[in-house]
Amino acid sequence: MPEHLDRLWSVQDVADFLRIPRKTLYQWRQHDYGPRGHRVGRYLRYDERVVREWFASLDNDVA
């Protein structure tokens, strides 16, 4: 099994990584923003690699 699939991230894991409230992550999802997650039954799960790639792709120009 590929290493990045060893453990999928929960909403809390992603929120902790991004240092944002879980509620913000859910709001982003409603607006089709943020890293792509997948439903596994009633749970939302994220591939760690996808979350890290999404974060790296952000325009980090801070004035």
N, C-alpha and C. Protein backbone atom coordinates (compact mmCIF):
# COMPACT_ATOMS: atom_id res chain seq x y z
N MET A 1 0.86 -1.19 0.00
CA MET A 1 0.00 0.00 0.00
C MET A 1 0.90 1.24 0.00
N PRO A 2 0.56 2.23 -0.84
CA PRO A 2 1.37 3.47 -0.83
C PRO A 2 1.39 4.10 0.55
N GLU A 3 2.54 4.66 0.89
CA GLU A 3 2.73 5.22 2.23
C GLU A 3 1.71 6.29 2.57
N HIS A 4 1.32 7.16 1.60
CA HIS A 4 0.39 8.25 1.91
C HIS A 4 -1.02 7.75 2.21
N LEU A 5 -1.31 6.47 1.96
CA LEU A 5 -2.63 5.94 2.25
C LEU A 5 -2.67 5.17 3.57
N ASP A 6 -1.55 5.14 4.27
CA ASP A 6 -1.51 4.42 5.53
C ASP A 6 -2.56 4.93 6.51
N ARG A 7 -2.74 6.23 6.55
CA ARG A 7 -3.68 6.82 7.49
C ARG A 7 -4.32 8.04 6.85
N LEU A 8 -5.62 8.02 6.73
CA LEU A 8 -6.33 9.19 6.23
C LEU A 8 -6.56 10.15 7.38
N TRP A 9 -6.58 11.43 7.06
CA TRP A 9 -6.77 12.45 8.07
C TRP A 9 -8.25 12.72 8.29
N SER A 10 -8.61 12.95 9.54
CA SER A 10 -9.96 13.37 9.90
C SER A 10 -10.08 14.89 9.74
N VAL A 11 -11.28 15.40 9.89
CA VAL A 11 -11.49 16.85 9.86
C VAL A 11 -10.64 17.52 10.94
N GLN A 12 -10.57 16.92 12.10
CA GLN A 12 -9.76 17.48 13.20
C GLN A 12 -8.28 17.50 12.84
N ASP A 13 -7.81 16.44 12.20
CA ASP A 13 -6.40 16.40 11.79
C ASP A 13 -6.08 17.54 10.83
N VAL A 14 -6.95 17.77 9.85
CA VAL A 14 -6.72 18.84 8.87
C VAL A 14 -6.80 20.20 9.56
N ALA A 15 -7.80 20.38 10.40
CA ALA A 15 -7.94 21.65 11.14
C ALA A 15 -6.70 21.91 11.99
N ASP A 16 -6.19 20.89 12.65
CA ASP A 16 -4.98 21.05 13.46
C ASP A 16 -3.78 21.42 12.59
N PHE A 17 -3.63 20.75 11.46
CA PHE A 17 -2.51 21.03 10.56
C PHE A 17 -2.57 22.48 10.06
N LEU A 18 -3.77 22.95 9.68
CA LEU A 18 -3.93 24.30 9.15
C LEU A 18 -4.09 25.35 10.25
N ARG A 19 -4.26 24.87 11.48
CA ARG A 19 -4.48 25.74 12.64
C ARG A 19 -5.69 26.65 12.43
N ILE A 20 -6.80 25.99 12.05
CA ILE A 20 -8.08 26.67 11.87
C ILE A 20 -9.15 25.88 12.62
N PRO A 21 -10.28 26.52 12.94
CA PRO A 21 -11.38 25.78 13.55
C PRO A 21 -11.98 24.77 12.58
N ARG A 22 -12.48 23.68 13.10
CA ARG A 22 -13.17 22.69 12.25
C ARG A 22 -14.31 23.32 11.49
N LYS A 23 -15.02 24.23 12.14
CA LYS A 23 -16.15 24.90 11.51
C LYS A 23 -15.72 25.61 10.22
N THR A 24 -14.55 26.22 10.23
CA THR A 24 -14.03 26.90 9.04
C THR A 24 -13.83 25.91 7.91
N LEU A 25 -13.30 24.75 8.21
CA LEU A 25 -13.08 23.72 7.19
C LEU A 25 -14.41 23.29 6.56
N TYR A 26 -15.43 23.12 7.39
CA TYR A 26 -16.76 22.76 6.86
C TYR A 26 -17.33 23.89 6.01
N GLN A 27 -17.13 25.13 6.43
CA GLN A 27 -17.61 26.28 5.64
C GLN A 27 -16.89 26.34 4.30
N TRP A 28 -15.59 26.14 4.31
CA TRP A 28 -14.83 26.12 3.06
C TRP A 28 -15.39 25.06 2.13
N ARG A 29 -15.69 23.90 2.68
CA ARG A 29 -16.21 22.80 1.87
C ARG A 29 -17.53 23.19 1.21
N GLN A 30 -18.38 23.90 1.91
CA GLN A 30 -19.66 24.35 1.35
C GLN A 30 -19.44 25.30 0.19
N HIS A 31 -18.33 26.03 0.19
CA HIS A 31 -18.03 27.02 -0.85
C HIS A 31 -17.03 26.48 -1.87
N ASP A 32 -16.84 25.15 -1.86
CA ASP A 32 -15.93 24.49 -2.80
C ASP A 32 -14.52 25.07 -2.73
N TYR A 33 -14.04 25.27 -1.53
CA TYR A 33 -12.70 25.79 -1.28
C TYR A 33 -12.00 24.84 -0.32
N GLY A 34 -10.72 24.86 -0.35
CA GLY A 34 -9.95 24.04 0.58
C GLY A 34 -9.56 22.71 -0.03
N PRO A 35 -8.85 21.91 0.75
CA PRO A 35 -8.41 20.61 0.24
C PRO A 35 -9.61 19.68 0.03
N ARG A 36 -9.49 18.84 -0.98
CA ARG A 36 -10.59 17.93 -1.30
C ARG A 36 -10.65 16.79 -0.29
N GLY A 37 -11.84 16.58 0.24
CA GLY A 37 -12.08 15.48 1.16
C GLY A 37 -13.03 14.47 0.54
N HIS A 38 -13.14 13.32 1.16
CA HIS A 38 -14.00 12.25 0.66
C HIS A 38 -14.85 11.70 1.79
N ARG A 39 -16.09 11.41 1.47
CA ARG A 39 -16.97 10.77 2.44
C ARG A 39 -16.65 9.29 2.51
N VAL A 40 -16.53 8.80 3.72
CA VAL A 40 -16.38 7.38 3.98
C VAL A 40 -17.51 7.07 4.95
N GLY A 41 -18.63 6.62 4.40
CA GLY A 41 -19.84 6.48 5.21
C GLY A 41 -20.28 7.86 5.65
N ARG A 42 -20.44 8.06 6.93
CA ARG A 42 -20.85 9.37 7.42
C ARG A 42 -19.67 10.27 7.79
N TYR A 43 -18.46 9.76 7.57
CA TYR A 43 -17.25 10.47 7.97
C TYR A 43 -16.59 11.14 6.77
N LEU A 44 -15.93 12.25 7.03
CA LEU A 44 -15.17 12.98 6.03
C LEU A 44 -13.69 12.70 6.28
N ARG A 45 -12.99 12.26 5.25
CA ARG A 45 -11.58 11.93 5.39
C ARG A 45 -10.77 12.61 4.30
N TYR A 46 -9.50 12.88 4.62
CA TYR A 46 -8.60 13.59 3.72
C TYR A 46 -7.32 12.79 3.54
N ASP A 47 -6.80 12.82 2.33
CA ASP A 47 -5.49 12.25 2.04
C ASP A 47 -4.46 13.30 2.46
N GLU A 48 -3.56 12.94 3.33
CA GLU A 48 -2.56 13.88 3.84
C GLU A 48 -1.79 14.56 2.71
N ARG A 49 -1.43 13.79 1.70
CA ARG A 49 -0.66 14.33 0.58
C ARG A 49 -1.45 15.43 -0.14
N VAL A 50 -2.74 15.21 -0.33
CA VAL A 50 -3.59 16.20 -1.01
C VAL A 50 -3.68 17.48 -0.18
N VAL A 51 -3.82 17.33 1.13
CA VAL A 51 -3.89 18.51 2.01
C VAL A 51 -2.59 19.30 1.93
N ARG A 52 -1.47 18.62 1.99
CA ARG A 52 -0.17 19.30 1.94
C ARG A 52 0.06 19.96 0.57
N GLU A 53 -0.35 19.29 -0.51
CA GLU A 53 -0.21 19.88 -1.85
C GLU A 53 -1.10 21.11 -2.00
N TRP A 54 -2.33 21.04 -1.49
CA TRP A 54 -3.24 22.18 -1.56
C TRP A 54 -2.63 23.36 -0.80
N PHE A 55 -2.12 23.11 0.37
CA PHE A 55 -1.52 24.18 1.17
C PHE A 55 -0.31 24.78 0.46
N ALA A 56 0.52 23.95 -0.12
CA ALA A 56 1.70 24.42 -0.83
C ALA A 56 1.33 25.25 -2.06
N SER A 57 0.16 25.02 -2.63
CA SER A 57 -0.24 25.72 -3.84
C SER A 57 -0.81 27.11 -3.56
N LEU A 58 -1.07 27.41 -2.29
CA LEU A 58 -1.63 28.71 -1.96
C LEU A 58 -0.65 29.83 -2.28
N ASP A 59 -1.18 30.95 -2.69
CA ASP A 59 -0.35 32.13 -2.93
C ASP A 59 -0.03 32.73 -1.57
N ASN A 60 1.19 32.63 -1.16
CA ASN A 60 1.57 33.07 0.18
C ASN A 60 2.18 34.46 0.21
N ASP A 61 1.87 35.28 -0.78
CA ASP A 61 2.35 36.66 -0.76
C ASP A 61 1.62 37.43 0.31
N VAL A 62 2.33 37.75 1.37
CA VAL A 62 1.75 38.51 2.48
C VAL A 62 2.36 39.90 2.45
N ALA A 63 1.48 40.89 2.47
CA ALA A 63 1.98 42.28 2.40
C ALA A 63 2.48 42.71 3.75
